[in-house]
């Protein structure tokens, strides 16, 4: 397995450059399973869903709209 960098000693730009220039399979291999739930839940153990806003390139948005058109729930995930 190749040597992984010390990400805590790197700037955000250096980390980004590392991910762009390197094979990340060693990082995935070294990863451990999450010890805490990855989804926030309410008192009934129901996942809490919050809206998120982000920008997409026009071609990706077009692909998403086509995929949502094939899905009964649409882009919002609601029937």
C-alpha atoms as a PDB file:
ATOM      1  CA  UNK A   1       0.000   0.000   0.000  1.00  0.00           C
ATOM      2  CA  UNK A   2       1.352   3.431  -0.872  1.00  0.00           C
ATOM      3  CA  UNK A   3       2.101   5.966   1.828  1.00  0.00           C
ATOM      4  CA  UNK A   4      -0.794   8.330   2.554  1.00  0.00           C
ATOM      5  CA  UNK A   5      -0.098  12.000   3.241  1.00  0.00           C
ATOM      6  CA  UNK A   6      -0.767  13.673   6.598  1.00  0.00           C
ATOM      7  CA  UNK A   7      -3.963  15.491   5.611  1.00  0.00           C
ATOM      8  CA  UNK A   8      -4.039  17.364   8.953  1.00  0.00           C
ATOM      9  CA  UNK A   9      -0.778  19.117   7.982  1.00  0.00           C
ATOM     10  CA  UNK A  10      -2.028  20.104   4.505  1.00  0.00           C
ATOM     11  CA  UNK A  11      -3.978  23.132   3.325  1.00  0.00           C
ATOM     12  CA  UNK A  12      -7.362  22.635   1.679  1.00  0.00           C
ATOM     13  CA  UNK A  13      -5.750  23.408  -1.664  1.00  0.00           C
ATOM     14  CA  UNK A  14      -3.020  20.810  -1.105  1.00  0.00           C
ATOM     15  CA  UNK A  15      -5.631  18.198  -0.147  1.00  0.00           C
ATOM     16  CA  UNK A  16      -7.654  19.010  -3.261  1.00  0.00           C
ATOM     17  CA  UNK A  17      -4.549  18.763  -5.425  1.00  0.00           C
ATOM     18  CA  UNK A  18      -3.668  15.417  -3.841  1.00  0.00           C
ATOM     19  CA  UNK A  19      -7.115  13.992  -4.624  1.00  0.00           C
ATOM     20  CA  UNK A  20      -6.891  15.224  -8.211  1.00  0.00           C
ATOM     21  CA  UNK A  21      -3.418  13.786  -8.788  1.00  0.00           C
ATOM     22  CA  UNK A  22      -3.482  10.468  -6.910  1.00  0.00           C
ATOM     23  CA  UNK A  23      -5.127   7.078  -6.927  1.00  0.00           C
ATOM     24  CA  UNK A  24      -7.406   7.112  -3.866  1.00  0.00           C
ATOM     25  CA  UNK A  25      -7.776   3.333  -3.575  1.00  0.00           C
ATOM     26  CA  UNK A  26      -5.192   3.196  -0.739  1.00  0.00           C
ATOM     27  CA  UNK A  27      -7.208   5.795   1.152  1.00  0.00           C
ATOM     28  CA  UNK A  28     -10.410   3.799   0.693  1.00  0.00           C
ATOM     29  CA  UNK A  29      -8.631   0.629   1.817  1.00  0.00           C
ATOM     30  CA  UNK A  30      -7.375   2.375   4.975  1.00  0.00           C
ATOM     31  CA  UNK A  31     -10.810   3.791   5.835  1.00  0.00           C
ATOM     32  CA  UNK A  32     -12.658   2.470   8.865  1.00  0.00           C
ATOM     33  CA  UNK A  33     -16.440   2.147   9.121  1.00  0.00           C
ATOM     34  CA  UNK A  34     -18.231   5.092  10.718  1.00  0.00           C
ATOM     35  CA  UNK A  35     -18.729   4.671  14.449  1.00  0.00           C
ATOM     36  CA  UNK A  36     -21.727   7.015  14.542  1.00  0.00           C
ATOM     37  CA  UNK A  37     -24.856   7.046  12.401  1.00  0.00           C
ATOM     38  CA  UNK A  38     -24.342   8.941   9.158  1.00  0.00           C
ATOM     39  CA  UNK A  39     -27.955  10.149   9.093  1.00  0.00           C
ATOM     40  CA  UNK A  40     -29.511  12.389  11.706  1.00  0.00           C
ATOM     41  CA  UNK A  41     -32.754  10.907  13.085  1.00  0.00           C
ATOM     42  CA  UNK A  42     -35.554  12.243  15.268  1.00  0.00           C
ATOM     43  CA  UNK A  43     -36.810  10.745  18.542  1.00  0.00           C
ATOM     44  CA  UNK A  44     -38.784   8.101  16.588  1.00  0.00           C
ATOM     45  CA  UNK A  45     -35.630   7.064  14.691  1.00  0.00           C
ATOM     46  CA  UNK A  46     -36.992   8.602  11.470  1.00  0.00           C
ATOM     47  CA  UNK A  47     -34.336  10.260   9.257  1.00  0.00           C
ATOM     48  CA  UNK A  48     -34.430  14.052   9.318  1.00  0.00           C
ATOM     49  CA  UNK A  49     -34.485  15.472   5.801  1.00  0.00           C
ATOM     50  CA  UNK A  50     -33.285  19.003   5.169  1.00  0.00           C
ATOM     51  CA  UNK A  51     -33.251  20.876   1.863  1.00  0.00           C
ATOM     52  CA  UNK A  52     -29.915  21.687   0.253  1.00  0.00           C
ATOM     53  CA  UNK A  53     -29.144  24.170  -2.495  1.00  0.00           C
ATOM     54  CA  UNK A  54     -26.226  23.739  -4.872  1.00  0.00           C
ATOM     55  CA  UNK A  55     -25.237  24.614  -8.429  1.00  0.00           C
ATOM     56  CA  UNK A  56     -24.900  22.095 -11.244  1.00  0.00           C
ATOM     57  CA  UNK A  57     -23.522  22.435 -14.755  1.00  0.00           C
ATOM     58  CA  UNK A  58     -26.371  22.723 -17.298  1.00  0.00           C
ATOM     59  CA  UNK A  59     -25.601  19.308 -18.818  1.00  0.00           C
ATOM     60  CA  UNK A  60     -25.824  17.598 -15.429  1.00  0.00           C
ATOM     61  CA  UNK A  61     -29.065  19.410 -14.594  1.00  0.00           C
ATOM     62  CA  UNK A  62     -30.523  18.297 -17.928  1.00  0.00           C
ATOM     63  CA  UNK A  63     -29.530  14.689 -17.151  1.00  0.00           C
ATOM     64  CA  UNK A  64     -31.106  14.967 -13.680  1.00  0.00           C
ATOM     65  CA  UNK A  65     -34.353  16.338 -15.114  1.00  0.00           C
ATOM     66  CA  UNK A  66     -34.524  13.471 -17.625  1.00  0.00           C
ATOM     67  CA  UNK A  67     -33.841  10.906 -14.890  1.00  0.00           C
ATOM     68  CA  UNK A  68     -36.458  12.523 -12.623  1.00  0.00           C
ATOM     69  CA  UNK A  69     -38.974  12.357 -15.453  1.00  0.00           C
ATOM     70  CA  UNK A  70     -38.574   8.565 -15.457  1.00  0.00           C
ATOM     71  CA  UNK A  71     -39.059   8.408 -11.682  1.00  0.00           C
ATOM     72  CA  UNK A  72     -42.555   8.563 -10.184  1.00  0.00           C
ATOM     73  CA  UNK A  73     -41.323  10.826  -7.394  1.00  0.00           C
ATOM     74  CA  UNK A  74     -39.646  13.486  -9.552  1.00  0.00           C
ATOM     75  CA  UNK A  75     -36.688  15.663  -8.538  1.00  0.00           C
ATOM     76  CA  UNK A  76     -37.993  16.494  -5.071  1.00  0.00           C
ATOM     77  CA  UNK A  77     -38.413  12.864  -4.073  1.00  0.00           C
ATOM     78  CA  UNK A  78     -42.078  13.375  -3.305  1.00  0.00           C
ATOM     79  CA  UNK A  79     -44.985  11.776  -5.074  1.00  0.00           C
END
